[in-house]
Amino acid sequence: MRNLIFVTAAQKLKFICVLDSLVLNMISKLKAEVEEFE
């Protein structure tokens, strides 16, 4: 039972990391677009 909890926690962490990198990519793209604008 404890293993199951550990696995789901690990999956959530992985999901959060993926979301984080997606957000960072979006932010850097937005920054690049803003710099082109100025």
N, C-alpha and C. Protein backbone atom coordinates (compact mmCIF):
# COMPACT_ATOMS: atom_id res chain seq x y z
N MET A 1 0.83 -1.19 0.00
CA MET A 1 0.00 0.00 0.00
C MET A 1 0.87 1.25 0.00
N ARG A 2 1.90 1.25 0.81
CA ARG A 2 2.79 2.40 0.89
C ARG A 2 3.47 2.65 -0.46
N ASN A 3 3.83 1.55 -1.14
CA ASN A 3 4.47 1.68 -2.45
C ASN A 3 3.56 2.42 -3.43
N LEU A 4 2.27 2.12 -3.40
CA LEU A 4 1.32 2.74 -4.31
C LEU A 4 1.30 4.25 -4.09
N ILE A 5 1.28 4.66 -2.83
CA ILE A 5 1.28 6.10 -2.51
C ILE A 5 2.56 6.73 -3.05
N PHE A 6 3.68 6.04 -2.87
CA PHE A 6 4.96 6.57 -3.32
C PHE A 6 4.97 6.74 -4.84
N VAL A 7 4.43 5.74 -5.55
CA VAL A 7 4.39 5.80 -7.01
C VAL A 7 3.53 6.96 -7.49
N THR A 8 2.35 7.14 -6.89
CA THR A 8 1.48 8.24 -7.33
C THR A 8 2.13 9.58 -7.03
N ALA A 9 2.83 9.68 -5.90
CA ALA A 9 3.52 10.92 -5.57
C ALA A 9 4.60 11.21 -6.61
N ALA A 10 5.34 10.17 -7.00
CA ALA A 10 6.39 10.33 -8.00
C ALA A 10 5.79 10.78 -9.33
N GLN A 11 4.65 10.19 -9.70
CA GLN A 11 4.00 10.56 -10.96
C GLN A 11 3.55 12.01 -10.91
N LYS A 12 3.01 12.45 -9.78
CA LYS A 12 2.58 13.84 -9.64
C LYS A 12 3.77 14.78 -9.77
N LEU A 13 4.89 14.40 -9.14
CA LEU A 13 6.09 15.22 -9.22
C LEU A 13 6.56 15.34 -10.67
N LYS A 14 6.54 14.21 -11.38
CA LYS A 14 6.97 14.21 -12.78
C LYS A 14 6.05 15.12 -13.59
N PHE A 15 4.74 15.03 -13.33
CA PHE A 15 3.76 15.85 -14.04
C PHE A 15 4.02 17.33 -13.78
N ILE A 16 4.30 17.66 -12.51
CA ILE A 16 4.58 19.05 -12.15
C ILE A 16 5.84 19.53 -12.87
N CYS A 17 6.85 18.68 -12.94
CA CYS A 17 8.09 19.06 -13.62
C CYS A 17 7.83 19.34 -15.10
N VAL A 18 7.01 18.49 -15.73
CA VAL A 18 6.68 18.69 -17.15
C VAL A 18 5.93 20.01 -17.32
N LEU A 19 4.95 20.26 -16.46
CA LEU A 19 4.21 21.52 -16.52
C LEU A 19 5.16 22.70 -16.35
N ASP A 20 6.06 22.58 -15.38
CA ASP A 20 7.03 23.64 -15.11
C ASP A 20 7.85 23.97 -16.34
N SER A 21 8.37 22.94 -17.01
CA SER A 21 9.21 23.19 -18.19
C SER A 21 8.38 23.80 -19.32
N LEU A 22 7.11 23.37 -19.45
CA LEU A 22 6.24 23.96 -20.47
C LEU A 22 6.03 25.44 -20.20
N VAL A 23 5.77 25.77 -18.94
CA VAL A 23 5.56 27.17 -18.56
C VAL A 23 6.82 27.98 -18.82
N LEU A 24 7.97 27.43 -18.46
CA LEU A 24 9.24 28.14 -18.69
C LEU A 24 9.46 28.38 -20.17
N ASN A 25 9.15 27.38 -21.01
CA ASN A 25 9.29 27.54 -22.46
C ASN A 25 8.39 28.66 -22.95
N MET A 26 7.13 28.68 -22.48
CA MET A 26 6.20 29.72 -22.90
C MET A 26 6.70 31.10 -22.49
N ILE A 27 7.21 31.21 -21.28
CA ILE A 27 7.71 32.50 -20.78
C ILE A 27 8.89 32.97 -21.62
N SER A 28 9.82 32.08 -21.94
CA SER A 28 10.98 32.50 -22.73
C SER A 28 10.55 32.90 -24.14
N LYS A 29 9.55 32.21 -24.71
CA LYS A 29 9.04 32.59 -26.03
C LYS A 29 8.40 33.97 -25.97
N LEU A 30 7.61 34.21 -24.92
CA LEU A 30 6.97 35.52 -24.76
C LEU A 30 8.03 36.61 -24.62
N LYS A 31 9.06 36.35 -23.83
CA LYS A 31 10.13 37.34 -23.65
C LYS A 31 10.79 37.65 -24.98
N ALA A 32 11.05 36.63 -25.78
CA ALA A 32 11.67 36.83 -27.09
C ALA A 32 10.78 37.69 -27.97
N GLU A 33 9.47 37.43 -27.95
CA GLU A 33 8.55 38.22 -28.76
C GLU A 33 8.52 39.66 -28.30
N VAL A 34 8.52 39.87 -27.00
CA VAL A 34 8.50 41.23 -26.45
C VAL A 34 9.77 41.97 -26.85
N GLU A 35 10.91 41.29 -26.79
CA GLU A 35 12.18 41.94 -27.16
C GLU A 35 12.18 42.32 -28.63
N GLU A 36 11.57 41.50 -29.48
CA GLU A 36 11.48 41.85 -30.90
C GLU A 36 10.63 43.10 -31.09
N PHE A 37 9.60 43.22 -30.26
CA PHE A 37 8.67 44.34 -30.37
C PHE A 37 9.35 45.67 -30.06
N GLU A 38 10.22 45.67 -29.04
CA GLU A 38 10.81 46.94 -28.59
C GLU A 38 11.79 47.51 -29.60
